[in-house]
């Protein structure tokens, strides 16, 4: 048993390092130079990343589709994630996934979950015109502990009297088309502690804008999550749920001329315009250490990630 635990620990550690950080006393170190190095190596290793990313038969530890049974960490086998017919291949909207990372597959989104932080590191989903304005009420869903995850994990008590909202990463508003999809957005594994001024203000405005883009263009691909800086982070609750220093969102549209745009929001209420938060996807990759839209052909990915113009989306 000790040998098995050692192997699992090695796998988890390898996944953490690949995500751009290292655990030190239950904290993640995301050094700026490490992120810059990852971005520099990204183009050089692109072919290797794609070959790995598109493998259907790999040596991941097998786990059930959505769960980590009996409180033991298991890892989902990489497989086709159905976004519909596309000539660009599988998993078009997902960041590059590394061996050993804990991937949660839900009905409407896929996420990389960090059990040490008790928050998702990124959440990715495909938003279509048909799903952008569902008829269900969010009052039909309730925040819930994700019982598929090993303890310790975020609970409602962690957020109570913390001064932070239970901030959806994949928003409820994008998933009012299906009861299961809506309820799964209320799992704490899809939430980060978020200041009310940001959650109900500028971040909500961006979520609304994304639904408008999905309706206008037919469909878009979205990835968002926390930005973690330094090696110490504020936490809330008994389970020490990490409070991010900022949040990112990247959006890609493949209809017409492919384009992408990134956003960084500092963790505070913002009176600045949405345009003021715009940056390139390359910049978000440099900050986070992730390789977004890795399944795209290189000539498309490199072009759309290099620059961002908010007015191209008007």
Protein backbone atom coordinates (compact mmCIF):
# COMPACT_ATOMS: atom_id res chain seq x y z
CA UNK A 1 0.00 0.00 0.00
CA UNK A 2 2.83 2.43 0.85
CA UNK A 3 4.37 1.76 -2.55
CA UNK A 4 1.04 2.53 -4.28
CA UNK A 5 0.71 5.79 -2.34
CA UNK A 6 4.24 6.75 -3.35
CA UNK A 7 3.44 6.15 -7.03
CA UNK A 8 0.23 8.19 -6.84
CA UNK A 9 2.05 11.02 -5.07
CA UNK A 10 4.67 11.06 -7.84
CA UNK A 11 1.98 11.21 -10.51
CA UNK A 12 0.16 14.11 -8.79
CA UNK A 13 3.43 15.99 -8.28
CA UNK A 14 4.32 15.58 -11.95
CA UNK A 15 0.92 17.00 -12.91
CA UNK A 16 1.37 19.99 -10.62
CA UNK A 17 4.80 20.79 -12.03
CA UNK A 18 3.44 20.56 -15.56
CA UNK A 19 0.72 23.08 -14.65
CA UNK A 20 3.41 25.63 -13.84
CA UNK A 21 3.77 25.35 -10.09
CA UNK A 22 5.16 23.32 -7.22
CA UNK A 23 3.60 22.58 -3.87
CA UNK A 24 5.38 24.10 -0.90
CA UNK A 25 3.64 23.78 2.46
CA UNK A 26 0.26 23.38 0.74
CA UNK A 27 0.86 26.45 -1.43
CA UNK A 28 1.55 26.73 -5.15
CA UNK A 29 4.58 28.57 -6.42
CA UNK A 30 3.84 30.12 -9.81
CA UNK A 31 6.98 32.10 -10.42
CA UNK A 32 6.99 34.63 -13.21
CA UNK A 33 10.17 33.26 -14.71
CA UNK A 34 8.72 29.74 -14.74
CA UNK A 35 5.66 30.95 -16.64
CA UNK A 36 7.83 32.84 -19.10
CA UNK A 37 9.98 29.75 -19.64
CA UNK A 38 6.88 27.65 -20.28
CA UNK A 39 5.67 30.12 -22.89
CA UNK A 40 9.10 30.18 -24.56
CA UNK A 41 9.17 26.38 -24.76
CA UNK A 42 5.58 26.18 -25.96
CA UNK A 43 6.21 26.65 -29.68
CA UNK A 44 9.31 24.44 -29.62
CA UNK A 45 7.40 21.56 -28.06
CA UNK A 46 4.15 22.08 -29.97
CA UNK A 47 4.33 18.94 -32.09
CA UNK A 48 5.10 16.80 -29.05
CA UNK A 49 2.20 18.38 -27.14
CA UNK A 50 -0.24 17.75 -29.98
CA UNK A 51 0.88 14.16 -30.47
CA UNK A 52 0.39 13.51 -26.78
CA UNK A 53 -2.83 15.48 -26.54
CA UNK A 54 -4.52 13.63 -29.40
CA UNK A 55 -3.63 10.13 -28.25
CA UNK A 56 -6.72 8.10 -27.49
CA UNK A 57 -4.87 5.19 -25.93
CA UNK A 58 -2.60 6.48 -23.21
CA UNK A 59 -1.20 5.34 -19.92
CA UNK A 60 -3.34 7.50 -17.68
CA UNK A 61 -4.68 5.92 -14.55
CA UNK A 62 -8.23 4.85 -15.34
CA UNK A 63 -11.03 6.59 -13.51
CA UNK A 64 -14.81 6.71 -13.94
CA UNK A 65 -16.22 9.53 -16.04
CA UNK A 66 -17.07 12.03 -13.32
CA UNK A 67 -15.98 10.55 -10.01
CA UNK A 68 -13.08 9.70 -7.77
CA UNK A 69 -14.53 6.71 -5.99
CA UNK A 70 -14.18 5.80 -2.31
CA UNK A 71 -12.29 9.01 -1.59
CA UNK A 72 -9.27 7.77 -3.56
CA UNK A 73 -7.75 9.96 -6.26
CA UNK A 74 -8.16 8.51 -9.72
CA UNK A 75 -7.61 10.13 -13.07
CA UNK A 76 -9.94 10.27 -16.03
CA UNK A 77 -8.77 8.55 -19.19
CA UNK A 78 -8.42 11.07 -22.02
CA UNK A 79 -11.09 10.56 -24.62
CA UNK A 80 -13.09 12.38 -27.24
CA UNK A 81 -15.00 15.31 -25.77
CA UNK A 82 -17.99 15.89 -27.99
CA UNK A 83 -18.25 19.48 -29.13
CA UNK A 84 -19.99 18.52 -32.35
CA UNK A 85 -18.66 18.20 -35.87
CA UNK A 86 -15.52 20.21 -36.55
CA UNK A 87 -12.84 19.83 -39.17
CA UNK A 88 -10.18 20.85 -36.62
CA UNK A 89 -10.34 17.66 -34.60
CA UNK A 90 -11.09 16.62 -31.03
CA UNK A 91 -10.90 18.66 -27.86
CA UNK A 92 -10.59 21.88 -29.81
CA UNK A 93 -11.58 24.10 -26.88
CA UNK A 94 -9.45 22.50 -24.16
CA UNK A 95 -6.03 23.55 -22.87
CA UNK A 96 -3.25 20.99 -23.20
CA UNK A 97 -3.76 18.26 -20.59
CA UNK A 98 -0.78 16.66 -18.89
CA UNK A 99 -0.31 13.18 -17.50
CA UNK A 100 -1.56 12.88 -13.93
CA UNK A 101 -3.74 15.98 -13.81
CA UNK A 102 -7.13 15.53 -12.16
CA UNK A 103 -9.67 16.17 -14.91
CA UNK A 104 -13.39 16.40 -14.17
CA UNK A 105 -15.78 15.76 -17.06
CA UNK A 106 -19.23 17.24 -16.57
CA UNK A 107 -22.20 17.39 -18.90
CA UNK A 108 -21.47 20.96 -20.02
CA UNK A 109 -17.85 21.59 -19.05
CA UNK A 110 -14.44 20.05 -18.39
CA UNK A 111 -12.15 21.25 -15.62
CA UNK A 112 -8.71 20.79 -14.14
CA UNK A 113 -9.25 20.47 -10.39
CA UNK A 114 -6.63 21.18 -7.71
CA UNK A 115 -7.40 19.16 -4.61
CA UNK A 116 -4.71 20.94 -2.61
CA UNK A 117 -6.20 24.35 -3.38
CA UNK A 118 -9.83 23.17 -3.22
CA UNK A 119 -10.59 25.12 -6.41
CA UNK A 120 -10.50 24.47 -10.17
CA UNK A 121 -7.38 25.65 -11.99
CA UNK A 122 -9.29 26.05 -15.24
CA UNK A 123 -12.78 25.29 -16.55
CA UNK A 124 -13.51 24.93 -20.28
CA UNK A 125 -16.81 24.73 -22.14
CA UNK A 126 -18.42 25.12 -25.54
CA UNK A 127 -21.25 27.68 -25.59
CA UNK A 128 -23.70 27.48 -28.48
CA UNK A 129 -26.49 29.76 -29.62
CA UNK A 130 -29.01 27.10 -28.58
CA UNK A 131 -27.61 26.95 -25.03
CA UNK A 132 -26.91 30.64 -24.46
CA UNK A 133 -30.40 31.57 -23.27
CA UNK A 134 -32.00 28.55 -21.61
CA UNK A 135 -35.40 28.71 -19.93
CA UNK A 136 -34.60 27.09 -16.58
CA UNK A 137 -34.38 29.20 -13.42
CA UNK A 138 -31.15 29.17 -11.42
CA UNK A 139 -33.38 28.99 -8.34
CA UNK A 140 -33.95 25.33 -9.22
CA UNK A 141 -30.27 24.58 -8.38
CA UNK A 142 -28.35 24.83 -5.11
CA UNK A 143 -24.66 25.06 -4.21
CA UNK A 144 -23.37 21.64 -3.25
CA UNK A 145 -20.26 19.90 -1.99
CA UNK A 146 -18.71 17.79 -4.74
CA UNK A 147 -18.93 14.35 -3.15
CA UNK A 148 -16.99 12.76 -6.02
CA UNK A 149 -13.79 14.38 -4.70
CA UNK A 150 -11.50 13.26 -1.92
CA UNK A 151 -11.57 15.19 1.36
CA UNK A 152 -10.69 17.82 2.34
CA UNK A 153 -12.83 19.68 -0.17
CA UNK A 154 -14.73 22.96 -0.24
CA UNK A 155 -18.04 23.11 1.61
CA UNK A 156 -20.71 25.74 2.16
CA UNK A 157 -19.36 26.34 5.67
CA UNK A 158 -16.04 27.51 4.20
CA UNK A 159 -17.81 30.37 2.44
CA UNK A 160 -20.15 31.36 5.28
CA UNK A 161 -19.17 34.74 6.80
CA UNK A 162 -15.97 34.70 4.71
CA UNK A 163 -16.71 37.93 2.89
CA UNK A 164 -16.49 36.11 -0.46
CA UNK A 165 -19.13 34.94 -2.93
CA UNK A 166 -19.22 31.40 -4.29
CA UNK A 167 -18.02 32.50 -7.71
CA UNK A 168 -18.97 30.25 -10.62
CA UNK A 169 -16.27 29.66 -13.18
CA UNK A 170 -18.58 28.04 -15.74
CA UNK A 171 -21.64 30.25 -15.10
CA UNK A 172 -25.14 29.07 -14.31
CA UNK A 173 -26.42 31.46 -16.96
CA UNK A 174 -24.73 29.43 -19.70
CA UNK A 175 -26.43 26.21 -18.60
CA UNK A 176 -30.14 26.90 -18.16
CA UNK A 177 -30.80 24.54 -21.04
CA UNK A 178 -30.53 21.35 -18.94
CA UNK A 179 -31.19 20.47 -15.29
CA UNK A 180 -28.05 18.36 -14.82
CA UNK A 181 -25.83 20.89 -16.59
CA UNK A 182 -27.23 23.69 -14.42
CA UNK A 183 -26.82 21.79 -11.14
CA UNK A 184 -23.23 20.81 -11.95
CA UNK A 185 -22.27 24.48 -12.23
CA UNK A 186 -23.24 24.84 -8.54
CA UNK A 187 -20.71 22.25 -7.38
CA UNK A 188 -17.98 23.84 -5.27
CA UNK A 189 -15.44 22.22 -7.60
CA UNK A 190 -16.65 24.79 -10.18
CA UNK A 191 -16.33 27.72 -7.75
CA UNK A 192 -13.66 30.08 -6.47
CA UNK A 193 -13.95 32.60 -3.62
CA UNK A 194 -14.75 35.87 -5.37
CA UNK A 195 -15.39 39.35 -4.06
CA UNK A 196 -19.03 40.35 -4.47
CA UNK A 197 -18.13 43.54 -6.32
CA UNK A 198 -16.37 41.54 -9.03
CA UNK A 199 -18.73 38.56 -9.07
CA UNK A 200 -21.88 40.64 -9.51
CA UNK A 201 -20.20 43.42 -11.47
CA UNK A 202 -17.48 43.31 -14.12
CA UNK A 203 -17.12 39.49 -14.15
CA UNK A 204 -20.88 39.09 -14.60
CA UNK A 205 -20.80 41.64 -17.40
CA UNK A 206 -18.19 39.52 -19.20
CA UNK A 207 -20.33 36.40 -18.78
CA UNK A 208 -23.27 38.24 -20.34
CA UNK A 209 -21.05 39.43 -23.18
CA UNK A 210 -19.95 35.85 -23.89
CA UNK A 211 -23.58 34.73 -24.19
CA UNK A 212 -24.18 37.56 -26.64
CA UNK A 213 -21.15 36.45 -28.69
CA UNK A 214 -22.35 32.83 -28.68
CA UNK A 215 -25.73 33.95 -30.00
CA UNK A 216 -24.18 36.27 -32.59
CA UNK A 217 -21.56 33.87 -33.95
CA UNK A 218 -23.35 30.55 -33.41
CA UNK A 219 -20.87 29.14 -30.89
CA UNK A 220 -17.69 30.00 -28.99
CA UNK A 221 -15.16 28.18 -26.82
CA UNK A 222 -14.39 29.54 -23.35
CA UNK A 223 -11.75 28.76 -20.73
CA UNK A 224 -11.55 30.63 -17.43
CA UNK A 225 -10.07 30.22 -13.98
CA UNK A 226 -8.03 31.74 -11.17
CA UNK A 227 -4.69 33.52 -11.40
CA UNK A 228 -2.38 32.56 -8.52
CA UNK A 229 0.68 34.66 -7.78
CA UNK A 230 3.55 34.04 -5.41
CA UNK A 231 3.89 31.17 -2.96
CA UNK A 232 1.40 32.21 -0.29
CA UNK A 233 -2.34 32.68 -0.77
CA UNK A 234 -5.17 33.78 1.47
CA UNK A 235 -7.58 30.97 2.34
CA UNK A 236 -11.08 30.78 3.77
CA UNK A 237 -12.81 28.26 6.00
CA UNK A 238 -11.78 25.16 7.85
CA UNK A 239 -10.81 23.48 4.57
CA UNK A 240 -8.52 26.37 3.57
CA UNK A 241 -10.07 27.14 0.19
CA UNK A 242 -7.58 29.32 -1.70
CA UNK A 243 -8.57 32.87 -2.66
CA UNK A 244 -7.13 33.80 -6.10
CA UNK A 245 -5.29 37.06 -6.71
CA UNK A 246 -6.99 37.55 -10.10
CA UNK A 247 -9.07 35.73 -12.73
CA UNK A 248 -8.60 35.03 -16.44
CA UNK A 249 -10.90 34.21 -19.33
CA UNK A 250 -10.03 33.34 -22.92
CA UNK A 251 -12.60 33.08 -25.71
CA UNK A 252 -12.23 31.59 -29.20
CA UNK A 253 -14.55 31.70 -32.20
CA UNK A 254 -13.95 29.41 -35.19
CA UNK A 255 -16.83 30.67 -37.34
CA UNK A 256 -15.74 32.88 -40.22
CA UNK A 257 -12.18 34.06 -39.69
CA UNK A 258 -10.90 32.35 -36.51
CA UNK A 259 -10.20 34.74 -33.64
CA UNK A 260 -9.49 34.71 -29.93
CA UNK A 261 -9.38 37.18 -27.08
CA UNK A 262 -8.16 37.15 -23.48
CA UNK A 263 -9.12 38.98 -20.29
CA UNK A 264 -7.45 39.45 -16.91
CA UNK A 265 -9.46 40.80 -13.97
CA UNK A 266 -7.71 41.66 -10.72
CA UNK A 267 -9.55 40.39 -7.67
CA UNK A 268 -11.37 43.58 -6.80
CA UNK A 269 -14.41 45.47 -7.96
CA UNK A 270 -13.64 47.17 -11.26
CA UNK A 271 -15.11 50.36 -12.69
CA UNK A 272 -12.91 50.04 -15.78
CA UNK A 273 -14.42 49.23 -19.16
CA UNK A 274 -14.37 45.67 -20.45
CA UNK A 275 -11.92 46.76 -23.14
CA UNK A 276 -9.44 47.81 -20.44
CA UNK A 277 -9.13 44.17 -19.32
CA UNK A 278 -8.40 42.79 -22.80
CA UNK A 279 -5.10 41.07 -23.56
CA UNK A 280 -3.85 38.45 -26.00
CA UNK A 281 -4.24 34.74 -25.29
CA UNK A 282 -0.44 34.54 -25.42
CA UNK A 283 -0.32 36.98 -22.50
CA UNK A 284 -2.76 34.88 -20.48
CA UNK A 285 -0.61 31.81 -21.24
CA UNK A 286 2.45 33.66 -19.97
CA UNK A 287 0.66 34.58 -16.74
CA UNK A 288 -0.90 31.16 -16.08
CA UNK A 289 1.53 28.72 -17.69
CA UNK A 290 -1.28 26.95 -19.61
CA UNK A 291 -1.33 26.13 -23.32
CA UNK A 292 -4.83 27.07 -24.51
CA UNK A 293 -6.48 25.70 -27.65
CA UNK A 294 -3.59 23.26 -28.09
CA UNK A 295 -5.51 21.02 -30.50
CA UNK A 296 -5.66 23.72 -33.17
CA UNK A 297 -3.31 23.56 -36.14
CA UNK A 298 -0.22 25.61 -35.33
CA UNK A 299 -0.72 28.21 -38.05
CA UNK A 300 -4.18 29.05 -36.68
CA UNK A 301 -3.29 28.88 -33.00
CA UNK A 302 -0.18 31.04 -33.33
CA UNK A 303 -2.04 33.73 -35.27
CA UNK A 304 -5.17 34.07 -33.15
CA UNK A 305 -3.32 33.93 -29.82
CA UNK A 306 -0.77 36.63 -30.66
CA UNK A 307 -3.06 39.67 -30.62
CA UNK A 308 -6.49 40.69 -29.38
CA UNK A 309 -8.81 43.42 -30.59
CA UNK A 310 -12.08 43.86 -28.69
CA UNK A 311 -13.65 45.72 -31.60
CA UNK A 312 -13.22 42.71 -33.88
CA UNK A 313 -15.89 41.10 -31.70
CA UNK A 314 -18.45 43.89 -32.03
